[in-house]
Amino acid sequence: MKILIHHDERLFGEAISCMLVRRGHQVVGFSSDAEELVSQAVRVSADTCLIEERPQVLAGVLSELRRMAPELPVVVLSSDLRP
């Protein structure tokens, strides 16, 4: 599977990327910046996008992805425990 990864903490995103590659997936892009994520989503051919982002930024990122790459499936991870 070709995966585009976005994590707001670059080190954690790179760790996720390494784990996915070891399991046979192809990481076609990586971003730790929301604007770069949207730009890559338009440029690369990904089967899905894996996102971990701060809640206050996430809604805007998802909205922009839906507008610019509506066919791209998105999986959202969160370590934020606030309701």
Protein backbone atom coordinates (compact mmCIF):
# COMPACT_ATOMS: atom_id res chain seq x y z
CA MET A 1 0.00 0.00 0.00
CA LYS A 2 1.24 3.49 -0.86
CA ILE A 3 0.91 5.75 2.18
CA LEU A 4 1.28 9.49 2.72
CA ILE A 5 2.21 10.24 6.35
CA HIS A 6 1.70 13.42 8.33
CA HIS A 7 2.73 13.77 11.96
CA ASP A 8 3.14 17.12 13.70
CA GLU A 9 6.19 15.71 15.54
CA ARG A 10 8.71 14.76 12.86
CA LEU A 11 10.58 12.16 14.96
CA PHE A 12 7.39 10.18 15.69
CA GLY A 13 6.32 10.40 12.06
CA GLU A 14 9.64 9.02 10.91
CA ALA A 15 9.30 6.12 13.38
CA ILE A 16 5.83 5.30 12.02
CA SER A 17 7.21 5.51 8.50
CA CYS A 18 10.00 3.02 9.30
CA MET A 19 7.54 0.57 10.86
CA LEU A 20 5.25 0.71 7.83
CA VAL A 21 8.14 0.20 5.39
CA ARG A 22 9.30 -2.84 7.37
CA ARG A 23 5.82 -4.29 6.98
CA GLY A 24 6.01 -3.95 3.19
CA HIS A 25 4.22 -0.64 2.63
CA GLN A 26 5.58 2.15 0.46
CA VAL A 27 5.74 5.60 2.05
CA VAL A 28 5.23 8.00 -0.86
CA GLY A 29 5.45 11.19 1.18
CA PHE A 30 6.07 12.53 4.64
CA SER A 31 5.15 15.87 6.18
CA SER A 32 5.28 17.53 9.56
CA ASP A 33 3.72 20.74 8.21
CA ALA A 34 -0.01 20.94 7.40
CA GLU A 35 0.45 23.02 4.24
CA GLU A 36 3.06 20.59 2.92
CA LEU A 37 0.69 17.68 3.57
CA VAL A 38 -2.01 19.17 1.36
CA SER A 39 0.55 19.95 -1.34
CA GLN A 40 1.88 16.38 -1.28
CA ALA A 41 -1.64 14.91 -1.30
CA VAL A 42 -2.22 16.63 -4.63
CA ARG A 43 1.20 15.65 -6.10
CA VAL A 44 1.75 12.03 -5.05
CA SER A 45 -0.25 8.94 -5.82
CA ALA A 46 -1.17 7.54 -2.39
CA ASP A 47 -3.67 4.84 -1.48
CA THR A 48 -4.27 6.45 1.91
CA CYS A 49 -3.10 9.24 4.18
CA LEU A 50 -2.18 8.67 7.82
CA ILE A 51 -2.47 11.85 9.94
CA GLU A 52 -1.57 12.74 13.52
CA GLU A 53 -2.05 16.43 14.24
CA ARG A 54 -2.99 18.75 17.10
CA PRO A 55 -6.79 19.02 17.50
CA GLN A 56 -6.77 22.78 16.94
CA VAL A 57 -5.17 22.26 13.50
CA LEU A 58 -6.80 18.97 12.49
CA ALA A 59 -10.20 20.28 11.37
CA GLY A 60 -8.61 22.76 8.97
CA VAL A 61 -6.25 20.13 7.57
CA LEU A 62 -9.07 17.66 6.96
CA SER A 63 -11.22 20.32 5.34
CA GLU A 64 -8.43 21.33 2.98
CA LEU A 65 -7.66 17.69 2.11
CA ARG A 66 -11.34 17.07 1.28
CA ARG A 67 -11.28 20.11 -0.99
CA MET A 68 -7.97 19.40 -2.74
CA ALA A 69 -7.87 15.56 -2.76
CA PRO A 70 -11.44 14.32 -2.16
CA GLU A 71 -10.71 10.77 -3.32
CA LEU A 72 -7.87 10.21 -0.81
CA PRO A 73 -8.89 8.02 2.17
CA VAL A 74 -7.63 9.45 5.47
CA VAL A 75 -6.85 7.69 8.75
CA VAL A 76 -6.54 9.99 11.78
CA LEU A 77 -4.50 9.05 14.85
CA SER A 78 -4.58 11.04 18.05
CA SER A 79 -2.75 10.91 21.34
CA ASP A 80 -4.81 13.79 22.72
CA LEU A 81 -7.09 12.53 25.48
CA ARG A 82 -9.12 15.71 25.92
CA PRO A 83 -12.85 15.44 24.99
